[in-house]
Amino acid sequence: MKILHVTKKYPDIMGGDSTVVAGLAKYQKKMGHSVYILTSNCSEVIKSPEVTKYGLKIDSIKLDRINLKRIISLLILFFYLFFYLKKVRPDIVHSHSPDLGFILSIHCRLYRISIINTYHGISFNDKDYFLIKRKLEEFLIKCSNFDKIIIKDKSSLDDFKKLKIRNVDYLPNAVDLDLFRQKRNKINKKTTFLFAGRIEKEKGLGYLIYAVNKLKKKEKDFEVLLIGKGLDQKYFQELVASLKLDNYIKFLGEKSKDEIIDYYFNSDVFISPSLHESFPITVLEAWAAKMPVIISNVGGVSTICKDRQNAIIIAPKNPENIMDAMTALIKNPGLAKKLGENGRKLVEKNYRWDKIAKEMESIYEEIIK
């Protein structure tokens, strides 16, 4: 089978969709399929024979917001696809964002190619997002006419039914366990909390910073490491400086995948205080490294995580709640160990790429037939 993935992000760009596409593509190739990648024109994207870039050169931190370069790149993509799809002739096109999927659906209907779209996160059902963004996403979902829609948040199935869209399947993210075979190797005596993702307000980092400001009055021997970059990084750095938290919170910038995995194994607790999530793959990666996880109760988190069994679930936008969770894991290493070990068992059982890639293959075959 010839499979074409079209995605905004691809390694070495950080991001859940980037990691998911790379993991899925790797295992699809292992299964004997021919896999092609069409992605944004970012300098971080690795060069390989199967990877093609489209559009204007753009900084990866600008891929998640509407801007002129993205709009022009989408227009370029629209015309480029007439040539590219004829050249590759895929059996199925798998898009990974609503705007890309909408454009691709036009060409796939023209060339009679099956198309599937994965929503790595949705906003039309979340009133915290601007009305224009929600209505635009609704329009793209309704008008794209995908053969199949894949979602990562099981709790949103009913929201698609309200839009009278029935061809929706839930298929979770997964982890490449081959990358998580090393042993935990914590040397630093400080309790190290780790965050990996976009350094942006929707990730809840402001609330984490205020939680640290409260926690420092009770505990001294801890640190918070933030991996990633984003449009709000300067704002957060200035906030940390104004609260005199430089000894507690460190901005590490972007790291390679191998470096991030090392941080998983050399840190104590993973923390995800996001305001919006569907199925955070960083949590699966933390579990794969037997890390305890603190995570805010948003999106489909409650369908994955069980409080005090494999994670500590916190209320979003609540510094006090974040501080209490951090304190609990500093004070109770036995709880931390239990959460990490249970998380690893859950990943091994349900969230391996070899398992999920086979389920995706079955969906492809069903659509093509």
Foldseek 3Di string as FASTA:
>chain_A
DEEEEEEADAPPPDDDVNVQVVLLQVLVVVVPYHYAYEYAQEPRHDDDPRYHYFFDYDHSQCSVDDDDRVVRRLVRCLVVCVVVCVVRVGQEYEYEDLSNLQSVLVVCVVVVHAYEYEDQFAPLVPPVDDPVRNVVSLVSVVRSPHLAYEYAFPVCQVVVVVSVDDRYDYFHAFDALVLQDDAQDADQPAAEEEEEDEPDVQQQVVLQLVLVLVLCVPDPRHAYEYEEYHPCVVVVVVVCVVSVNPVHYDYPYHDGPNVVLNVLSHHAEYEGLGNGGAHDVVLLSSLSSLFEYEYEPHGRCVVPDDDLQQYNYFHHPHSVRVNVRVVCCVVDVVSRNRNSPSSNVSNVVRHHSNVSSVVVVVVSVVSSD
